[in-house]
Amino acid sequence: MMIKIRKKFKEGAASFYIVAISTLILVIVAASLAVVIIFELTRTSNDDWAQSAYDPALAGVEDAKLAFYSYQSCLENGSPIDASGLSCDEIKTWVESGQREGQDACDMVSVILGRKRVGEGGEVLVQESNVNNNMQQAYTCVKLSDAADYKTTLTAENPTKIMRAHFEDGDAAKSVQSVVVSWQRDTNVGQTKYSDLGKDGIFGAETPLPPVISLGLVQTASTFTLDSFDMT
């Protein structure tokens, strides 16, 4: 009789251990899944916040390009682009003089483009949907100054030069499907200067600095769709 009792007791203890270990494993798995879910939610939230800040900042940069383009159009053609809200005299005074509505004015770009009135201030809404106010962002301050260096020739002190290419006929631009830009200089190749990067490398203290071209597309129309950027 005692042997049977001990046998049943041992079988019950083994079952208890199995249940306890299984429960512990399930708890560990559930806790691990919870940690992963919380981590992913936090990462997604941080990514959303970062993207939310990046999008309006990028919109502000694009508006600054458009305002600069309008300033350049005034210098070359005597008339601003269609999207501009000021006359050429006002734009040139604002960009070049640095007076009140000058280089320190946060609303400079938004006023040049007609998004705000002079002295109105406030943020510039970046509207993503016409349905409601969801997913709308804004930028608050974009400044533009006359960087005279880009007008000069290329030198060691000023290695950057901006060249603006545009169509005189707007209708002709609509038929363009691609733009090819090439860069080549056959003259005085052997006299290519080097840029001292301040560190030793396989070329010694000086490392060759090749010419670099940066291309950008600026949409100057006051209203447009994403199809307007469908170019290669």
Foldseek 3Di string as FASTA:
>chain_A
DVVVVVVVVVVVVVVVVVVVVVVVVVVVVVVVVVVVVVVVVVVVVVVVVVVLVVVQVVVLVLLQVLLVQQLVCCVPPVAGFPQFQDHNVVSCCQAEVQPPNHQPHFCNSCNRRPQDPVPPFDWRKDDDDPPDDPPIHTDGGDGHHDPVLQVDDDDPVRNHHDDDDDDPDPVVVVPDAEDDDDDDDPPPPVVQDWDQPCDQDPVGRTDRDDDDDDDDDRDRDNDDDPVVVNHD
